[in-house]
Every structure is written in C-alpha cells, then in structure tokens.
C-alpha cells in the first residue's frame, strides 16, 4: 500500500473530489449571495486629466 494523503480514501478518490467540489461551490454561493455585482462591476467615472503646460 502506498502512502496517500489522509484525505484520499482508497477507491473513493472520485467521490471525495466530487463532494469537495460541491461543498466548495456551496460555500462560494453563500459568500457571494449578497454581493451587488452591478455595483462591483460599475465603471467609475474618469476624472478629467489636467492639461500639462
């Protein structure tokens, strides 16, 4: 038997990766649920540049 990281179970690698991906997606959805994306990506008005003499 080879030394595997402790989070991989012999024969269940695909299942563990899938569950990890679903949990990650759920956490990211919860964190970003209340973000006003229109405000985040709104272009800020450009300040006019001063003319150089």
C-alpha atoms as a PDB file:
ATOM      1  CA  UNK A   1       0.000   0.000   0.000  1.00  0.00           C
ATOM      2  CA  UNK A   2       1.357   3.406  -0.989  1.00  0.00           C
ATOM      3  CA  UNK A   3       1.400   6.446   1.267  1.00  0.00           C
ATOM      4  CA  UNK A   4      -1.536   8.648   0.258  1.00  0.00           C
ATOM      5  CA  UNK A   5      -2.534  11.983   1.735  1.00  0.00           C
ATOM      6  CA  UNK A   6      -5.019  11.373   4.570  1.00  0.00           C
ATOM      7  CA  UNK A   7      -7.968  12.938   2.687  1.00  0.00           C
ATOM      8  CA  UNK A   8      -7.961  10.303  -0.076  1.00  0.00           C
ATOM      9  CA  UNK A   9      -9.624   7.004   0.613  1.00  0.00           C
ATOM     10  CA  UNK A  10      -8.553   4.008  -1.440  1.00  0.00           C
ATOM     11  CA  UNK A  11     -11.112   3.523  -4.208  1.00  0.00           C
ATOM     12  CA  UNK A  12     -13.123   6.646  -3.330  1.00  0.00           C
ATOM     13  CA  UNK A  13     -10.944   9.365  -4.849  1.00  0.00           C
ATOM     14  CA  UNK A  14     -13.548  10.419  -7.431  1.00  0.00           C
ATOM     15  CA  UNK A  15     -16.275  10.570  -4.819  1.00  0.00           C
ATOM     16  CA  UNK A  16     -14.124  12.622  -2.441  1.00  0.00           C
ATOM     17  CA  UNK A  17     -13.182  15.077  -5.204  1.00  0.00           C
ATOM     18  CA  UNK A  18     -16.827  15.408  -6.290  1.00  0.00           C
ATOM     19  CA  UNK A  19     -18.070  16.016  -2.749  1.00  0.00           C
ATOM     20  CA  UNK A  20     -15.268  18.522  -2.182  1.00  0.00           C
ATOM     21  CA  UNK A  21     -16.220  20.401  -5.352  1.00  0.00           C
ATOM     22  CA  UNK A  22     -19.894  20.524  -4.330  1.00  0.00           C
ATOM     23  CA  UNK A  23     -19.013  21.794  -0.854  1.00  0.00           C
ATOM     24  CA  UNK A  24     -16.706  24.430  -2.347  1.00  0.00           C
ATOM     25  CA  UNK A  25     -19.454  25.569  -4.725  1.00  0.00           C
ATOM     26  CA  UNK A  26     -21.979  25.789  -1.881  1.00  0.00           C
ATOM     27  CA  UNK A  27     -19.601  27.865   0.270  1.00  0.00           C
ATOM     28  CA  UNK A  28     -18.802  30.252  -2.585  1.00  0.00           C
ATOM     29  CA  UNK A  29     -22.512  30.644  -3.372  1.00  0.00           C
ATOM     30  CA  UNK A  30     -23.224  31.552   0.260  1.00  0.00           C
ATOM     31  CA  UNK A  31     -20.334  34.019   0.453  1.00  0.00           C
ATOM     32  CA  UNK A  32     -21.213  35.808  -2.791  1.00  0.00           C
ATOM     33  CA  UNK A  33     -25.020  35.683  -2.474  1.00  0.00           C
ATOM     34  CA  UNK A  34     -25.374  39.174  -1.030  1.00  0.00           C
ATOM     35  CA  UNK A  35     -22.858  40.898  -3.292  1.00  0.00           C
ATOM     36  CA  UNK A  36     -24.328  43.568  -5.554  1.00  0.00           C
ATOM     37  CA  UNK A  37     -22.468  42.599  -8.701  1.00  0.00           C
ATOM     38  CA  UNK A  38     -23.811  45.593 -10.642  1.00  0.00           C
ATOM     39  CA  UNK A  39     -22.084  47.813  -8.086  1.00  0.00           C
ATOM     40  CA  UNK A  40     -18.891  45.768  -8.163  1.00  0.00           C
ATOM     41  CA  UNK A  41     -18.550  45.971 -11.957  1.00  0.00           C
ATOM     42  CA  UNK A  42     -19.909  49.510 -12.400  1.00  0.00           C
ATOM     43  CA  UNK A  43     -17.446  51.716 -14.235  1.00  0.00           C
ATOM     44  CA  UNK A  44     -16.212  54.547 -12.111  1.00  0.00           C
ATOM     45  CA  UNK A  45     -16.382  57.971 -13.777  1.00  0.00           C
ATOM     46  CA  UNK A  46     -12.999  59.015 -15.055  1.00  0.00           C
ATOM     47  CA  UNK A  47     -11.632  62.199 -13.602  1.00  0.00           C
ATOM     48  CA  UNK A  48     -10.586  64.687 -16.276  1.00  0.00           C
ATOM     49  CA  UNK A  49      -6.845  64.908 -16.660  1.00  0.00           C
ATOM     50  CA  UNK A  50      -5.266  68.292 -16.043  1.00  0.00           C
ATOM     51  CA  UNK A  51      -3.659  69.851 -19.078  1.00  0.00           C
ATOM     52  CA  UNK A  52       0.097  69.983 -18.906  1.00  0.00           C
ATOM     53  CA  UNK A  53       1.571  73.437 -19.735  1.00  0.00           C
END
